[in-house]
């Protein structure tokens, strides 16, 4: 139930950003300091499990904030929503989690997470 609430909140946030009015462009996102290819297994972000069709990643507070800033750009503007990509996020016991279902995008959940973090 909690996962459904998170997904519904995210859907509302993503769809709320789909206005037709002109908006100022968002400031550029900070560049991550580590490439996902050089990140150690124990370093964040790391996959910590699955929940239904979602892969669950633990991220830092800064990564969580960056993902929130980039979700519209990645999920809506790159048309991943149209290909079934679904995303959830939440904080549990002080740990930041992102849930990703890659749908029919042809991407892995890790590739989608990398895009959300601004990594190519």
N, C-alpha and C. Protein backbone atom coordinates (compact mmCIF):
# COMPACT_ATOMS: atom_id res chain seq x y z
N UNK A 1 0.82 -1.20 0.00
CA UNK A 1 0.00 0.00 0.00
C UNK A 1 0.86 1.26 0.00
N UNK A 2 1.96 1.23 0.82
CA UNK A 2 2.84 2.39 0.88
C UNK A 2 3.49 2.63 -0.48
N UNK A 3 3.87 1.55 -1.17
CA UNK A 3 4.50 1.69 -2.48
C UNK A 3 3.52 2.32 -3.46
N UNK A 4 2.25 1.92 -3.41
CA UNK A 4 1.23 2.49 -4.29
C UNK A 4 1.08 3.98 -4.02
N UNK A 5 1.07 4.37 -2.74
CA UNK A 5 0.95 5.80 -2.40
C UNK A 5 2.13 6.58 -2.94
N UNK A 6 3.33 6.01 -2.83
CA UNK A 6 4.52 6.69 -3.34
C UNK A 6 4.43 6.87 -4.85
N UNK A 7 4.00 5.82 -5.54
CA UNK A 7 3.89 5.89 -7.00
C UNK A 7 2.84 6.92 -7.39
N UNK A 8 1.70 6.93 -6.69
CA UNK A 8 0.65 7.89 -7.02
C UNK A 8 1.11 9.32 -6.75
N UNK A 9 1.84 9.53 -5.67
CA UNK A 9 2.38 10.87 -5.40
C UNK A 9 3.34 11.30 -6.48
N UNK A 10 4.19 10.37 -6.93
CA UNK A 10 5.14 10.70 -7.97
C UNK A 10 4.42 11.00 -9.28
N UNK A 11 3.40 10.21 -9.60
CA UNK A 11 2.63 10.46 -10.82
C UNK A 11 2.02 11.86 -10.77
N UNK A 12 1.47 12.23 -9.63
CA UNK A 12 0.89 13.56 -9.50
C UNK A 12 1.94 14.64 -9.68
N UNK A 13 3.13 14.41 -9.13
CA UNK A 13 4.20 15.40 -9.25
C UNK A 13 4.67 15.51 -10.69
N UNK A 14 4.83 14.36 -11.36
CA UNK A 14 5.30 14.36 -12.75
C UNK A 14 4.25 15.01 -13.65
N UNK A 15 3.01 14.61 -13.49
CA UNK A 15 1.97 15.14 -14.35
C UNK A 15 1.70 16.61 -14.05
N UNK A 16 1.91 17.02 -12.81
CA UNK A 16 1.75 18.43 -12.46
C UNK A 16 2.76 19.30 -13.17
N UNK A 17 3.90 18.73 -13.54
CA UNK A 17 4.93 19.48 -14.25
C UNK A 17 4.69 19.53 -15.75
N UNK A 18 3.59 19.00 -16.22
CA UNK A 18 3.31 18.93 -17.66
C UNK A 18 2.42 20.08 -18.12
N UNK A 19 2.63 21.25 -17.62
CA UNK A 19 1.77 22.36 -18.04
C UNK A 19 2.17 22.85 -19.42
N UNK A 20 1.26 23.52 -20.08
CA UNK A 20 1.54 24.02 -21.42
C UNK A 20 2.06 25.44 -21.39
N UNK A 21 2.00 26.09 -20.24
CA UNK A 21 2.49 27.46 -20.12
C UNK A 21 4.00 27.51 -20.17
N UNK A 22 4.54 28.66 -20.55
CA UNK A 22 5.99 28.83 -20.62
C UNK A 22 6.55 28.87 -19.21
N UNK A 23 7.67 28.21 -19.04
CA UNK A 23 8.33 28.17 -17.74
C UNK A 23 9.80 28.47 -17.93
N UNK A 24 10.38 28.99 -16.89
CA UNK A 24 11.82 29.22 -16.95
C UNK A 24 12.52 27.87 -16.89
N UNK A 25 13.64 27.73 -17.61
CA UNK A 25 14.36 26.46 -17.56
C UNK A 25 14.95 26.25 -16.17
N UNK A 26 15.00 25.00 -15.78
CA UNK A 26 15.56 24.66 -14.47
C UNK A 26 17.08 24.88 -14.50
N UNK A 27 17.66 25.24 -13.37
CA UNK A 27 19.10 25.40 -13.34
C UNK A 27 19.77 24.06 -13.60
N UNK A 28 20.98 24.08 -14.14
CA UNK A 28 21.65 22.82 -14.43
C UNK A 28 21.91 22.03 -13.15
N UNK A 29 21.79 20.73 -13.26
CA UNK A 29 21.99 19.85 -12.10
C UNK A 29 23.49 19.73 -11.83
N UNK A 30 23.85 19.58 -10.57
CA UNK A 30 25.26 19.40 -10.27
C UNK A 30 25.78 18.10 -10.87
N UNK A 31 27.02 18.11 -11.27
CA UNK A 31 27.64 16.94 -11.87
C UNK A 31 28.01 15.95 -10.78
N UNK A 32 27.60 14.69 -10.92
CA UNK A 32 27.97 13.69 -9.92
C UNK A 32 29.49 13.53 -9.86
N UNK A 33 29.99 13.21 -8.68
CA UNK A 33 31.43 13.09 -8.53
C UNK A 33 31.96 11.73 -8.93
N UNK A 34 31.12 10.71 -8.91
CA UNK A 34 31.55 9.38 -9.29
C UNK A 34 30.74 8.87 -10.46
N UNK A 35 31.42 8.22 -11.37
CA UNK A 35 30.74 7.55 -12.47
C UNK A 35 30.16 6.25 -11.94
N UNK A 36 29.01 5.82 -12.45
CA UNK A 36 28.45 4.55 -11.98
C UNK A 36 29.37 3.38 -12.27
N UNK A 37 30.23 3.51 -13.27
CA UNK A 37 31.14 2.42 -13.60
C UNK A 37 32.28 2.31 -12.61
N UNK A 38 32.54 3.37 -11.84
CA UNK A 38 33.62 3.33 -10.87
C UNK A 38 33.11 3.25 -9.44
N UNK A 39 31.80 3.26 -9.26
CA UNK A 39 31.23 3.20 -7.93
C UNK A 39 31.41 1.81 -7.34
N UNK A 40 31.86 1.74 -6.11
CA UNK A 40 32.03 0.46 -5.44
C UNK A 40 30.66 -0.14 -5.13
N UNK A 41 30.61 -1.45 -4.99
CA UNK A 41 29.35 -2.14 -4.75
C UNK A 41 28.70 -1.61 -3.47
N UNK A 42 29.51 -1.31 -2.45
CA UNK A 42 28.95 -0.86 -1.19
C UNK A 42 28.61 0.63 -1.18
N UNK A 43 29.06 1.35 -2.21
CA UNK A 43 28.78 2.79 -2.28
C UNK A 43 27.37 3.03 -2.80
N UNK A 44 26.83 4.19 -2.46
CA UNK A 44 25.49 4.53 -2.93
C UNK A 44 25.58 5.25 -4.26
N UNK A 45 24.67 5.09 -5.18
CA UNK A 45 23.46 4.28 -5.07
C UNK A 45 23.76 2.79 -5.26
N UNK A 46 23.02 1.98 -4.58
CA UNK A 46 23.16 0.54 -4.74
C UNK A 46 21.79 -0.12 -4.67
N UNK A 47 21.68 -1.21 -5.42
CA UNK A 47 20.41 -1.93 -5.39
C UNK A 47 20.34 -2.72 -4.10
N UNK A 48 19.21 -2.58 -3.40
CA UNK A 48 19.05 -3.25 -2.12
C UNK A 48 17.94 -4.30 -2.14
N UNK A 49 17.29 -4.48 -3.28
CA UNK A 49 16.25 -5.49 -3.36
C UNK A 49 15.25 -5.20 -4.45
N UNK A 50 14.14 -5.93 -4.39
CA UNK A 50 13.05 -5.75 -5.33
C UNK A 50 11.75 -5.69 -4.55
N UNK A 51 10.75 -5.08 -5.16
CA UNK A 51 9.42 -5.00 -4.56
C UNK A 51 8.43 -5.10 -5.71
N UNK A 52 7.88 -6.27 -5.91
CA UNK A 52 7.02 -6.49 -7.07
C UNK A 52 7.86 -6.38 -8.33
N UNK A 53 7.43 -5.56 -9.27
CA UNK A 53 8.19 -5.35 -10.50
C UNK A 53 9.23 -4.24 -10.38
N UNK A 54 9.37 -3.68 -9.19
CA UNK A 54 10.28 -2.55 -8.98
C UNK A 54 11.61 -3.03 -8.43
N UNK A 55 12.71 -2.43 -8.92
CA UNK A 55 14.01 -2.63 -8.31
C UNK A 55 14.23 -1.47 -7.35
N UNK A 56 14.69 -1.78 -6.16
CA UNK A 56 14.83 -0.79 -5.10
C UNK A 56 16.30 -0.43 -4.94
N UNK A 57 16.58 0.89 -4.98
CA UNK A 57 17.93 1.40 -4.82
C UNK A 57 17.98 2.31 -3.60
N UNK A 58 19.05 2.19 -2.83
CA UNK A 58 19.30 3.14 -1.75
C UNK A 58 20.20 4.23 -2.31
N UNK A 59 19.85 5.47 -2.04
CA UNK A 59 20.62 6.61 -2.55
C UNK A 59 20.92 7.56 -1.38
N UNK A 60 21.82 8.50 -1.61
CA UNK A 60 22.11 9.51 -0.60
C UNK A 60 21.03 10.58 -0.63
N UNK A 61 21.02 11.42 0.40
CA UNK A 61 20.05 12.53 0.44
C UNK A 61 20.25 13.46 -0.75
N UNK A 62 21.50 13.72 -1.12
CA UNK A 62 21.79 14.60 -2.26
C UNK A 62 21.32 13.97 -3.57
N UNK A 63 21.54 12.66 -3.74
CA UNK A 63 21.08 11.98 -4.94
C UNK A 63 19.56 11.97 -5.00
N UNK A 64 18.92 11.78 -3.87
CA UNK A 64 17.46 11.80 -3.78
C UNK A 64 16.91 13.14 -4.25
N UNK A 65 17.55 14.21 -3.79
CA UNK A 65 17.14 15.56 -4.19
C UNK A 65 17.36 15.77 -5.69
N UNK A 66 18.49 15.34 -6.21
CA UNK A 66 18.79 15.48 -7.63
C UNK A 66 17.78 14.71 -8.48
N UNK A 67 17.43 13.51 -8.05
CA UNK A 67 16.44 12.71 -8.77
C UNK A 67 15.11 13.45 -8.82
N UNK A 68 14.71 14.05 -7.70
CA UNK A 68 13.48 14.82 -7.66
C UNK A 68 13.49 15.98 -8.64
N UNK A 69 14.65 16.59 -8.84
CA UNK A 69 14.76 17.72 -9.76
C UNK A 69 14.74 17.26 -11.21
N UNK A 70 15.21 16.04 -11.48
CA UNK A 70 15.36 15.58 -12.86
C UNK A 70 14.25 14.63 -13.32
N UNK A 71 13.33 14.26 -12.44
CA UNK A 71 12.33 13.25 -12.79
C UNK A 71 11.48 13.68 -13.99
N UNK A 72 11.08 14.93 -14.07
CA UNK A 72 10.26 15.37 -15.20
C UNK A 72 11.05 15.30 -16.50
N UNK A 73 12.28 15.76 -16.47
CA UNK A 73 13.13 15.73 -17.67
C UNK A 73 13.32 14.30 -18.17
N UNK A 74 13.62 13.40 -17.29
CA UNK A 74 13.95 12.03 -17.70
C UNK A 74 12.71 11.21 -18.00
N UNK A 75 11.74 11.20 -17.11
CA UNK A 75 10.59 10.31 -17.27
C UNK A 75 9.59 10.84 -18.28
N UNK A 76 9.30 12.13 -18.27
CA UNK A 76 8.28 12.68 -19.17
C UNK A 76 8.89 13.14 -20.49
N UNK A 77 9.87 14.02 -20.44
CA UNK A 77 10.41 14.57 -21.69
C UNK A 77 11.12 13.55 -22.55
N UNK A 78 11.73 12.55 -21.94
CA UNK A 78 12.37 11.49 -22.72
C UNK A 78 11.38 10.39 -23.08
N UNK A 79 10.11 10.63 -22.76
CA UNK A 79 8.99 9.75 -23.12
C UNK A 79 9.11 8.33 -22.55
N UNK A 80 9.78 8.20 -21.41
CA UNK A 80 9.89 6.90 -20.78
C UNK A 80 8.57 6.50 -20.12
N UNK A 81 7.80 7.49 -19.68
CA UNK A 81 6.48 7.21 -19.09
C UNK A 81 5.60 6.48 -20.10
N UNK A 82 5.69 6.92 -21.37
CA UNK A 82 4.89 6.31 -22.43
C UNK A 82 5.30 4.86 -22.69
N UNK A 83 6.51 4.48 -22.27
CA UNK A 83 7.00 3.12 -22.48
C UNK A 83 6.92 2.29 -21.20
N UNK A 84 6.11 2.76 -20.26
CA UNK A 84 5.82 1.95 -19.09
C UNK A 84 6.78 2.11 -17.92
N UNK A 85 7.71 3.06 -17.99
CA UNK A 85 8.63 3.26 -16.87
C UNK A 85 7.84 3.88 -15.72
N UNK A 86 8.00 3.30 -14.53
CA UNK A 86 7.34 3.81 -13.35
C UNK A 86 8.39 3.99 -12.27
N UNK A 87 8.16 4.99 -11.42
CA UNK A 87 9.14 5.38 -10.43
C UNK A 87 8.45 5.68 -9.11
N UNK A 88 9.06 5.28 -8.04
CA UNK A 88 8.58 5.61 -6.71
C UNK A 88 9.77 6.05 -5.87
N UNK A 89 9.51 6.74 -4.79
CA UNK A 89 10.59 7.20 -3.93
C UNK A 89 10.06 7.39 -2.53
N UNK A 90 10.95 7.25 -1.56
CA UNK A 90 10.54 7.46 -0.19
C UNK A 90 11.71 7.37 0.76
N UNK A 91 11.45 7.78 1.99
CA UNK A 91 12.44 7.72 3.05
C UNK A 91 11.90 6.81 4.13
N UNK A 92 12.72 5.85 4.55
CA UNK A 92 12.31 4.90 5.58
C UNK A 92 13.48 4.74 6.55
N UNK A 93 13.25 5.06 7.80
CA UNK A 93 14.26 4.96 8.86
C UNK A 93 15.53 5.72 8.48
N UNK A 94 15.36 6.90 7.91
CA UNK A 94 16.49 7.74 7.56
C UNK A 94 17.23 7.34 6.31
N UNK A 95 16.76 6.32 5.61
CA UNK A 95 17.40 5.88 4.37
C UNK A 95 16.53 6.27 3.20
N UNK A 96 17.16 6.76 2.15
CA UNK A 96 16.47 7.24 0.95
C UNK A 96 16.43 6.11 -0.07
N UNK A 97 15.21 5.83 -0.57
CA UNK A 97 15.03 4.75 -1.54
C UNK A 97 14.32 5.25 -2.79
N UNK A 98 14.73 4.68 -3.92
CA UNK A 98 14.10 4.95 -5.21
C UNK A 98 13.71 3.59 -5.78
N UNK A 99 12.46 3.47 -6.21
CA UNK A 99 11.95 2.24 -6.81
C UNK A 99 11.74 2.49 -8.30
N UNK A 100 12.27 1.61 -9.14
CA UNK A 100 12.19 1.81 -10.58
C UNK A 100 11.69 0.54 -11.25
N UNK A 101 10.66 0.70 -12.08
CA UNK A 101 10.17 -0.37 -12.95
C UNK A 101 10.46 0.09 -14.37
N UNK A 102 11.38 -0.58 -15.08
CA UNK A 102 11.76 -0.12 -16.42
C UNK A 102 10.70 -0.32 -17.49
N UNK A 103 9.63 -1.03 -17.17
CA UNK A 103 8.55 -1.22 -18.14
C UNK A 103 9.05 -1.83 -19.43
N UNK A 104 8.59 -1.28 -20.56
CA UNK A 104 8.98 -1.76 -21.88
C UNK A 104 9.97 -0.81 -22.54
N UNK A 105 10.75 -0.10 -21.74
CA UNK A 105 11.66 0.93 -22.26
C UNK A 105 12.87 0.36 -22.96
N UNK A 106 13.22 -0.89 -22.69
CA UNK A 106 14.45 -1.45 -23.24
C UNK A 106 15.67 -1.05 -22.42
N UNK A 107 15.45 -0.32 -21.34
CA UNK A 107 16.53 0.10 -20.45
C UNK A 107 16.47 -0.73 -19.17
N UNK A 108 17.60 -0.83 -18.49
CA UNK A 108 17.59 -1.46 -17.19
C UNK A 108 17.22 -0.40 -16.15
N UNK A 109 16.82 -0.86 -14.98
CA UNK A 109 16.52 0.08 -13.90
C UNK A 109 17.76 0.91 -13.56
N UNK A 110 18.94 0.30 -13.60
CA UNK A 110 20.20 1.02 -13.32
C UNK A 110 20.44 2.11 -14.36
N UNK A 111 20.16 1.84 -15.64
CA UNK A 111 20.33 2.85 -16.68
C UNK A 111 19.39 4.04 -16.45
N UNK A 112 18.18 3.76 -16.03
CA UNK A 112 17.22 4.83 -15.74
C UNK A 112 17.70 5.63 -14.54
N UNK A 113 18.18 4.95 -13.50
CA UNK A 113 18.72 5.64 -12.33
C UNK A 113 19.89 6.52 -12.73
N UNK A 114 20.77 6.03 -13.59
CA UNK A 114 21.90 6.83 -14.05
C UNK A 114 21.43 8.10 -14.76
N UNK A 115 20.40 7.99 -15.60
CA UNK A 115 19.85 9.18 -16.26
C UNK A 115 19.29 10.16 -15.24
N UNK A 116 18.60 9.64 -14.24
CA UNK A 116 18.04 10.51 -13.20
C UNK A 116 19.14 11.23 -12.42
N UNK A 117 20.30 10.61 -12.32
CA UNK A 117 21.43 11.22 -11.61
C UNK A 117 22.30 12.07 -12.52
N UNK A 118 21.94 12.16 -13.79
CA UNK A 118 22.69 13.00 -14.72
C UNK A 118 23.90 12.33 -15.31
N UNK A 119 23.99 10.99 -15.20
CA UNK A 119 25.09 10.24 -15.80
C UNK A 119 24.66 9.73 -17.17
N UNK A 120 25.53 9.80 -18.14
CA UNK A 120 25.16 9.32 -19.49
C UNK A 120 24.94 7.82 -19.54
